[in-house]
């Protein structure tokens, strides 16, 4: 399997370019499609979608770092090291702000809308929270209404 990159191609001589294999061309085509996909997605996504994309594309990096830590015999090249140094702070920041680690307090619809507008929760999370608040009102108020009807 080829591991050629665009940077490799930029540094190649004409003879080296002429000797690329079909695997190399397939790999470059895949990299180009991935790059175009990321650009296309970035134009029509929210911040949450971009965080999700960064995490999805960083999974291989995280797995490789885990291998290095566990096995201690895997080596990384200079390009990978540079990518790790650039991406790792971003990844740790994203992980620290994931949904299951944050606490969002909202007691009513106004607080939910405020949280959504300030970016503390996504629009979809706001909809789910509004649904939960509606259910809470039903759970709290229906027994009281039933009690009032029984007493009359």
N, C-alpha and C. Protein backbone atom coordinates (compact mmCIF):
# COMPACT_ATOMS: atom_id res chain seq x y z
N UNK A 1 0.84 -1.18 0.00
CA UNK A 1 0.00 0.00 0.00
C UNK A 1 0.89 1.24 0.00
N UNK A 2 0.52 2.21 -0.79
CA UNK A 2 1.30 3.43 -0.92
C UNK A 2 1.06 4.36 0.27
N UNK A 3 2.08 5.08 0.65
CA UNK A 3 1.93 6.08 1.71
C UNK A 3 2.40 7.44 1.22
N UNK A 4 2.28 7.67 -0.08
CA UNK A 4 2.72 8.91 -0.70
C UNK A 4 1.82 10.07 -0.25
N UNK A 5 2.41 11.26 -0.17
CA UNK A 5 1.66 12.45 0.20
C UNK A 5 1.87 13.52 -0.86
N UNK A 6 1.07 14.58 -0.78
CA UNK A 6 1.23 15.69 -1.72
C UNK A 6 2.61 16.35 -1.57
N UNK A 7 3.10 16.38 -0.33
CA UNK A 7 4.42 16.96 -0.09
C UNK A 7 5.51 16.14 -0.79
N UNK A 8 5.33 14.81 -0.80
CA UNK A 8 6.29 13.96 -1.49
C UNK A 8 6.34 14.30 -2.98
N UNK A 9 5.16 14.49 -3.56
CA UNK A 9 5.07 14.77 -4.99
C UNK A 9 5.74 16.11 -5.31
N UNK A 10 5.55 17.10 -4.44
CA UNK A 10 6.15 18.41 -4.67
C UNK A 10 7.67 18.34 -4.70
N UNK A 11 8.25 17.41 -3.96
CA UNK A 11 9.71 17.30 -3.86
C UNK A 11 10.31 16.32 -4.86
N UNK A 12 9.50 15.70 -5.68
CA UNK A 12 9.99 14.68 -6.62
C UNK A 12 10.53 15.30 -7.90
N UNK A 13 11.50 14.58 -8.47
CA UNK A 13 12.02 14.97 -9.78
C UNK A 13 11.07 14.43 -10.84
N UNK A 14 11.27 14.85 -12.08
CA UNK A 14 10.41 14.39 -13.16
C UNK A 14 10.53 12.87 -13.34
N UNK A 15 11.73 12.33 -13.20
CA UNK A 15 11.92 10.88 -13.33
C UNK A 15 11.13 10.13 -12.25
N UNK A 16 11.18 10.65 -11.01
CA UNK A 16 10.43 10.01 -9.93
C UNK A 16 8.93 10.09 -10.18
N UNK A 17 8.48 11.22 -10.71
CA UNK A 17 7.06 11.36 -11.03
C UNK A 17 6.63 10.37 -12.12
N UNK A 18 7.50 10.17 -13.08
CA UNK A 18 7.20 9.23 -14.17
C UNK A 18 7.13 7.79 -13.67
N UNK A 19 7.77 7.50 -12.55
CA UNK A 19 7.80 6.13 -12.03
C UNK A 19 6.79 5.86 -10.93
N UNK A 20 5.83 6.75 -10.74
CA UNK A 20 4.79 6.50 -9.73
C UNK A 20 3.97 5.28 -10.12
N UNK A 21 3.56 4.52 -9.13
CA UNK A 21 2.78 3.31 -9.38
C UNK A 21 1.29 3.64 -9.35
N UNK A 22 0.49 2.65 -9.77
CA UNK A 22 -0.97 2.82 -9.71
C UNK A 22 -1.44 3.01 -8.27
N UNK A 23 -0.77 2.33 -7.34
CA UNK A 23 -1.11 2.51 -5.92
C UNK A 23 -0.86 3.95 -5.48
N UNK A 24 0.24 4.54 -5.97
CA UNK A 24 0.53 5.93 -5.64
C UNK A 24 -0.56 6.85 -6.17
N UNK A 25 -0.97 6.62 -7.41
CA UNK A 25 -2.03 7.45 -7.99
C UNK A 25 -3.36 7.26 -7.25
N UNK A 26 -3.66 6.03 -6.86
CA UNK A 26 -4.88 5.78 -6.10
C UNK A 26 -4.84 6.51 -4.76
N UNK A 27 -3.68 6.45 -4.10
CA UNK A 27 -3.52 7.11 -2.80
C UNK A 27 -3.68 8.63 -2.96
N UNK A 28 -3.05 9.22 -3.97
CA UNK A 28 -3.16 10.66 -4.20
C UNK A 28 -4.59 11.06 -4.53
N UNK A 29 -5.28 10.21 -5.30
CA UNK A 29 -6.68 10.48 -5.63
C UNK A 29 -7.55 10.45 -4.37
N UNK A 30 -7.28 9.50 -3.49
CA UNK A 30 -8.02 9.40 -2.23
C UNK A 30 -7.75 10.63 -1.35
N UNK A 31 -6.49 11.05 -1.27
CA UNK A 31 -6.15 12.23 -0.48
C UNK A 31 -6.82 13.49 -1.04
N UNK A 32 -6.86 13.60 -2.36
CA UNK A 32 -7.50 14.75 -3.00
C UNK A 32 -9.00 14.76 -2.71
N UNK A 33 -9.63 13.60 -2.79
CA UNK A 33 -11.07 13.51 -2.51
C UNK A 33 -11.35 13.86 -1.05
N UNK A 34 -10.51 13.38 -0.15
CA UNK A 34 -10.69 13.68 1.27
C UNK A 34 -10.53 15.18 1.53
N UNK A 35 -9.54 15.77 0.90
CA UNK A 35 -9.31 17.21 1.06
C UNK A 35 -10.50 18.00 0.53
N UNK A 36 -11.02 17.62 -0.63
CA UNK A 36 -12.19 18.29 -1.19
C UNK A 36 -13.41 18.10 -0.32
N UNK A 37 -13.56 16.91 0.25
CA UNK A 37 -14.69 16.62 1.13
C UNK A 37 -14.65 17.52 2.36
N UNK A 38 -13.47 17.67 2.93
CA UNK A 38 -13.33 18.52 4.12
C UNK A 38 -13.66 19.97 3.77
N UNK A 39 -13.16 20.46 2.64
CA UNK A 39 -13.46 21.83 2.22
C UNK A 39 -14.96 22.00 2.00
N UNK A 40 -15.58 21.03 1.33
CA UNK A 40 -17.01 21.10 1.04
C UNK A 40 -17.81 21.08 2.33
N UNK A 41 -17.48 20.20 3.24
CA UNK A 41 -18.19 20.12 4.50
C UNK A 41 -18.02 21.38 5.33
N UNK A 42 -16.82 21.96 5.30
CA UNK A 42 -16.54 23.13 6.13
C UNK A 42 -17.39 24.33 5.70
N UNK A 43 -17.79 24.38 4.45
CA UNK A 43 -18.58 25.52 3.97
C UNK A 43 -20.01 25.48 4.48
N UNK A 44 -20.52 24.31 4.83
CA UNK A 44 -21.91 24.22 5.20
C UNK A 44 -22.11 23.51 6.54
N UNK A 45 -21.24 23.77 7.48
CA UNK A 45 -21.35 23.10 8.76
C UNK A 45 -21.29 24.10 9.90
N UNK A 46 -21.70 23.62 11.05
CA UNK A 46 -21.63 24.43 12.26
C UNK A 46 -20.30 24.15 12.96
N UNK A 47 -20.06 24.89 14.03
CA UNK A 47 -18.84 24.67 14.80
C UNK A 47 -18.81 23.25 15.36
N UNK A 48 -19.98 22.75 15.77
CA UNK A 48 -20.05 21.38 16.30
C UNK A 48 -19.65 20.37 15.22
N UNK A 49 -20.12 20.59 13.99
CA UNK A 49 -19.77 19.69 12.90
C UNK A 49 -18.26 19.71 12.63
N UNK A 50 -17.67 20.90 12.70
CA UNK A 50 -16.22 21.00 12.48
C UNK A 50 -15.46 20.28 13.59
N UNK A 51 -15.94 20.41 14.84
CA UNK A 51 -15.30 19.69 15.94
C UNK A 51 -15.40 18.19 15.70
N UNK A 52 -16.55 17.74 15.24
CA UNK A 52 -16.75 16.31 14.96
C UNK A 52 -15.81 15.86 13.86
N UNK A 53 -15.65 16.67 12.82
CA UNK A 53 -14.74 16.32 11.73
C UNK A 53 -13.30 16.23 12.21
N UNK A 54 -12.87 17.20 13.01
CA UNK A 54 -11.51 17.18 13.53
C UNK A 54 -11.28 15.90 14.32
N UNK A 55 -12.24 15.56 15.16
CA UNK A 55 -12.10 14.34 15.97
C UNK A 55 -12.09 13.10 15.09
N UNK A 56 -12.94 13.05 14.08
CA UNK A 56 -12.99 11.88 13.20
C UNK A 56 -11.68 11.70 12.46
N UNK A 57 -11.13 12.80 11.95
CA UNK A 57 -9.88 12.70 11.19
C UNK A 57 -8.67 12.56 12.10
N UNK A 58 -8.82 12.85 13.36
CA UNK A 58 -7.71 12.74 14.30
C UNK A 58 -7.65 11.38 14.98
N UNK A 59 -8.65 10.56 14.77
CA UNK A 59 -8.70 9.26 15.43
C UNK A 59 -7.46 8.43 15.15
N UNK A 60 -7.00 8.42 13.90
CA UNK A 60 -5.79 7.65 13.56
C UNK A 60 -4.59 8.17 14.33
N UNK A 61 -4.52 9.49 14.49
CA UNK A 61 -3.41 10.08 15.22
C UNK A 61 -3.45 9.66 16.69
N UNK A 62 -4.62 9.68 17.26
CA UNK A 62 -4.78 9.30 18.66
C UNK A 62 -4.39 7.84 18.85
N UNK A 63 -4.83 6.98 17.94
CA UNK A 63 -4.50 5.56 18.03
C UNK A 63 -2.99 5.34 17.91
N UNK A 64 -2.35 6.08 17.01
CA UNK A 64 -0.90 5.93 16.84
C UNK A 64 -0.16 6.39 18.10
N UNK A 65 -0.59 7.48 18.69
CA UNK A 65 0.04 7.94 19.93
C UNK A 65 -0.14 6.92 21.04
N UNK A 66 -1.31 6.29 21.10
CA UNK A 66 -1.53 5.25 22.10
C UNK A 66 -0.59 4.08 21.87
N UNK A 67 -0.38 3.70 20.62
CA UNK A 67 0.56 2.63 20.30
C UNK A 67 1.96 2.98 20.76
N UNK A 68 2.37 4.21 20.51
CA UNK A 68 3.71 4.66 20.90
C UNK A 68 3.86 4.57 22.41
N UNK A 69 2.85 5.02 23.13
CA UNK A 69 2.91 5.00 24.59
C UNK A 69 2.93 3.57 25.12
N UNK A 70 2.09 2.71 24.55
CA UNK A 70 1.97 1.33 25.05
C UNK A 70 3.16 0.48 24.61
N UNK A 71 3.50 0.50 23.33
CA UNK A 71 4.52 -0.40 22.81
C UNK A 71 5.92 0.18 22.90
N UNK A 72 6.05 1.47 22.81
CA UNK A 72 7.33 2.16 22.95
C UNK A 72 8.34 1.78 21.87
N UNK A 73 7.89 1.11 20.80
CA UNK A 73 8.84 0.78 19.73
C UNK A 73 8.37 1.32 18.38
N UNK A 74 7.29 2.06 18.37
CA UNK A 74 6.80 2.66 17.14
C UNK A 74 7.42 4.04 16.98
N UNK A 75 7.90 4.32 15.80
CA UNK A 75 8.52 5.62 15.56
C UNK A 75 7.60 6.48 14.71
N UNK A 76 7.71 7.79 14.88
CA UNK A 76 6.95 8.72 14.07
C UNK A 76 7.92 9.55 13.24
N UNK A 77 7.45 9.94 12.06
CA UNK A 77 8.33 10.74 11.21
C UNK A 77 8.15 12.23 11.52
N UNK A 78 8.93 13.07 10.88
CA UNK A 78 8.93 14.51 11.17
C UNK A 78 7.58 15.15 10.84
N UNK A 79 6.96 14.73 9.74
CA UNK A 79 5.66 15.30 9.37
C UNK A 79 4.60 14.94 10.40
N UNK A 80 4.61 13.69 10.87
CA UNK A 80 3.64 13.27 11.88
C UNK A 80 3.86 14.03 13.18
N UNK A 81 5.13 14.21 13.55
CA UNK A 81 5.44 14.93 14.78
C UNK A 81 4.91 16.36 14.71
N UNK A 82 5.11 17.01 13.59
CA UNK A 82 4.62 18.38 13.42
C UNK A 82 3.09 18.42 13.48
N UNK A 83 2.45 17.43 12.84
CA UNK A 83 0.98 17.38 12.87
C UNK A 83 0.48 17.16 14.29
N UNK A 84 1.14 16.27 15.03
CA UNK A 84 0.74 16.01 16.42
C UNK A 84 0.85 17.28 17.26
N UNK A 85 1.97 17.99 17.08
CA UNK A 85 2.18 19.20 17.88
C UNK A 85 1.14 20.28 17.56
N UNK A 86 0.69 20.32 16.31
CA UNK A 86 -0.31 21.31 15.93
C UNK A 86 -1.71 20.88 16.35
N UNK A 87 -2.02 19.61 16.17
CA UNK A 87 -3.38 19.14 16.42
C UNK A 87 -3.66 18.76 17.87
N UNK A 88 -2.68 18.28 18.58
CA UNK A 88 -2.94 17.75 19.91
C UNK A 88 -3.60 18.77 20.85
N UNK A 89 -3.14 20.02 20.91
CA UNK A 89 -3.83 20.99 21.78
C UNK A 89 -5.29 21.20 21.38
N UNK A 90 -5.54 21.19 20.06
CA UNK A 90 -6.91 21.36 19.59
C UNK A 90 -7.77 20.16 20.00
N UNK A 91 -7.22 18.97 19.88
CA UNK A 91 -7.97 17.76 20.23
C UNK A 91 -8.27 17.73 21.72
N UNK A 92 -7.28 18.04 22.54
CA UNK A 92 -7.52 18.01 23.99
C UNK A 92 -8.55 19.06 24.38
N UNK A 93 -8.54 20.19 23.72
CA UNK A 93 -9.53 21.23 23.98
C UNK A 93 -10.93 20.75 23.59
N UNK A 94 -11.05 20.10 22.44
CA UNK A 94 -12.35 19.59 21.99
C UNK A 94 -12.85 18.51 22.94
N UNK A 95 -11.97 17.59 23.31
CA UNK A 95 -12.37 16.50 24.20
C UNK A 95 -12.84 17.05 25.55
N UNK A 96 -12.17 18.09 26.03
CA UNK A 96 -12.55 18.65 27.33
C UNK A 96 -13.91 19.34 27.29
N UNK A 97 -14.39 19.65 26.08
CA UNK A 97 -15.67 20.35 25.96
C UNK A 97 -16.77 19.46 25.35
N UNK A 98 -16.59 18.15 25.39
CA UNK A 98 -17.60 17.27 24.83
C UNK A 98 -18.87 17.30 25.66
N UNK A 99 -19.97 16.90 25.02
CA UNK A 99 -21.29 16.96 25.65
C UNK A 99 -21.36 16.25 26.99
N UNK A 100 -20.77 15.08 27.08
CA UNK A 100 -20.92 14.29 28.30
C UNK A 100 -20.07 14.82 29.45
N UNK A 101 -19.20 15.80 29.20
CA UNK A 101 -18.39 16.36 30.27
C UNK A 101 -18.90 17.70 30.78
N UNK A 102 -19.79 18.33 30.03
CA UNK A 102 -20.24 19.64 30.47
C UNK A 102 -21.63 19.57 31.09
N UNK A 103 -21.86 20.50 31.99
CA UNK A 103 -23.14 20.58 32.67
C UNK A 103 -23.83 21.84 32.17
N UNK A 104 -25.01 21.67 31.63
CA UNK A 104 -25.78 22.81 31.13
C UNK A 104 -27.00 22.96 32.02
N UNK A 105 -27.08 24.10 32.67
CA UNK A 105 -28.21 24.34 33.54
C UNK A 105 -29.21 25.23 32.82
N UNK A 106 -30.42 24.74 32.70
CA UNK A 106 -31.51 25.51 32.09
C UNK A 106 -32.80 25.04 32.75
N UNK A 107 -33.48 25.98 33.38
CA UNK A 107 -34.71 25.64 34.09
C UNK A 107 -35.96 25.99 33.32
N UNK A 108 -35.80 26.76 32.24
CA UNK A 108 -36.98 27.14 31.45
C UNK A 108 -36.55 27.40 30.01
N UNK A 109 -37.55 27.67 29.17
CA UNK A 109 -37.30 27.86 27.75
C UNK A 109 -36.37 29.04 27.49
N UNK A 110 -36.52 30.11 28.26
CA UNK A 110 -35.68 31.29 28.06
C UNK A 110 -34.21 30.96 28.30
N UNK A 111 -33.93 30.19 29.33
CA UNK A 111 -32.54 29.81 29.63
C UNK A 111 -31.97 28.89 28.54
N UNK A 112 -32.82 28.03 27.99
CA UNK A 112 -32.38 27.16 26.89
C UNK A 112 -32.02 28.01 25.68
N UNK A 113 -32.89 28.95 25.33
CA UNK A 113 -32.64 29.81 24.17
C UNK A 113 -31.37 30.65 24.38
N UNK A 114 -31.16 31.11 25.59
CA UNK A 114 -29.95 31.87 25.90
C UNK A 114 -28.71 30.99 25.72
N UNK A 115 -28.77 29.76 26.21
CA UNK A 115 -27.63 28.83 26.08
C UNK A 115 -27.33 28.54 24.61
N UNK A 116 -28.38 28.37 23.80
CA UNK A 116 -28.18 28.11 22.37
C UNK A 116 -27.56 29.35 21.71
N UNK A 117 -28.08 30.52 22.02
CA UNK A 117 -27.58 31.74 21.37
C UNK A 117 -26.14 32.06 21.77
N UNK A 118 -25.73 31.65 22.96
CA UNK A 118 -24.35 31.89 23.41
C UNK A 118 -23.41 30.76 23.01
N UNK A 119 -23.94 29.73 22.35
CA UNK A 119 -23.10 28.63 21.89
C UNK A 119 -22.76 27.61 22.95
N UNK A 120 -23.45 27.67 24.09
CA UNK A 120 -23.19 26.69 25.14
C UNK A 120 -23.82 25.35 24.81
N UNK A 121 -24.77 25.33 23.90
CA UNK A 121 -25.35 24.09 23.39
C UNK A 121 -25.76 24.32 21.95
N UNK A 122 -25.82 23.24 21.20
CA UNK A 122 -26.19 23.34 19.80
C UNK A 122 -27.70 23.49 19.67
N UNK A 123 -28.15 23.82 18.48
CA UNK A 123 -29.59 23.96 18.23
C UNK A 123 -30.30 22.63 18.52
N UNK A 124 -29.71 21.53 18.07
CA UNK A 124 -30.32 20.21 18.31
C UNK A 124 -30.39 19.90 19.80
N UNK A 125 -29.34 20.25 20.53
CA UNK A 125 -29.36 20.04 21.98
C UNK A 125 -30.44 20.89 22.63
N UNK A 126 -30.61 22.11 22.12
CA UNK A 126 -31.66 23.00 22.64
C UNK A 126 -33.04 22.42 22.43
N UNK A 127 -33.27 21.83 21.26
CA UNK A 127 -34.57 21.21 20.97
C UNK A 127 -34.82 20.05 21.94
N UNK A 128 -33.79 19.24 22.15
CA UNK A 128 -33.93 18.11 23.08
C UNK A 128 -34.20 18.60 24.51
N UNK A 129 -33.50 19.66 24.90
CA UNK A 129 -33.69 20.21 26.24
C UNK A 129 -35.10 20.78 26.40
N UNK A 130 -35.60 21.46 25.36
CA UNK A 130 -36.97 22.00 25.41
C UNK A 130 -37.98 20.86 25.55
N UNK A 131 -37.74 19.77 24.85
CA UNK A 131 -38.63 18.61 24.95
C UNK A 131 -38.60 18.05 26.37
N UNK A 132 -37.41 17.97 26.96
CA UNK A 132 -37.31 17.47 28.34
C UNK A 132 -38.02 18.40 29.32
N UNK A 133 -37.88 19.70 29.12
CA UNK A 133 -38.57 20.65 30.00
C UNK A 133 -40.08 20.51 29.87
N UNK A 134 -40.56 20.29 28.64
CA UNK A 134 -42.00 20.08 28.42
C UNK A 134 -42.46 18.83 29.16
N UNK A 135 -41.68 17.77 29.06
CA UNK A 135 -42.03 16.53 29.76
C UNK A 135 -42.03 16.74 31.27
N UNK A 136 -41.09 17.53 31.75
CA UNK A 136 -41.02 17.81 33.18
C UNK A 136 -42.28 18.53 33.64
N UNK A 137 -42.74 19.50 32.86
CA UNK A 137 -43.97 20.23 33.20
C UNK A 137 -45.15 19.27 33.24
N UNK A 138 -45.22 18.39 32.26
CA UNK A 138 -46.33 17.41 32.23
C UNK A 138 -46.28 16.52 33.46
N UNK A 139 -45.10 16.04 33.79
CA UNK A 139 -44.95 15.15 34.95
C UNK A 139 -45.30 15.87 36.24
N UNK A 140 -44.90 17.13 36.35
CA UNK A 140 -45.16 17.89 37.57
C UNK A 140 -46.60 18.38 37.68
N UNK A 141 -47.19 18.81 36.59
CA UNK A 141 -48.50 19.47 36.64
C UNK A 141 -49.70 18.53 36.50
N UNK A 142 -49.56 17.44 35.75
CA UNK A 142 -50.70 16.54 35.55
C UNK A 142 -51.22 15.97 36.87
N UNK A 143 -50.37 15.50 37.77
CA UNK A 143 -50.91 15.01 39.05
C UNK A 143 -51.64 16.10 39.83
N UNK A 144 -51.15 17.32 39.78
CA UNK A 144 -51.81 18.42 40.47
C UNK A 144 -53.18 18.70 39.87
N UNK A 145 -53.27 18.67 38.55
CA UNK A 145 -54.55 18.88 37.88
C UNK A 145 -55.53 17.74 38.19
N UNK A 146 -55.01 16.53 38.19
CA UNK A 146 -55.87 15.38 38.51
C UNK A 146 -56.39 15.49 39.95
N UNK A 147 -55.54 15.92 40.85
CA UNK A 147 -55.92 16.10 42.24
C UNK A 147 -57.00 17.16 42.39
N UNK A 148 -56.84 18.26 41.62
CA UNK A 148 -57.84 19.33 41.67
C UNK A 148 -59.19 18.85 41.14
N UNK A 149 -59.16 18.04 40.07
CA UNK A 149 -60.40 17.52 39.51
C UNK A 149 -61.07 16.54 40.46
N UNK A 150 -60.28 15.73 41.14
CA UNK A 150 -60.84 14.76 42.10
C UNK A 150 -61.47 15.47 43.30
N UNK A 151 -60.91 16.60 43.70
CA UNK A 151 -61.42 17.30 44.87
C UNK A 151 -62.72 18.06 44.58
N UNK A 152 -63.04 18.30 43.33
CA UNK A 152 -64.26 19.03 42.99
C UNK A 152 -65.46 18.17 42.98
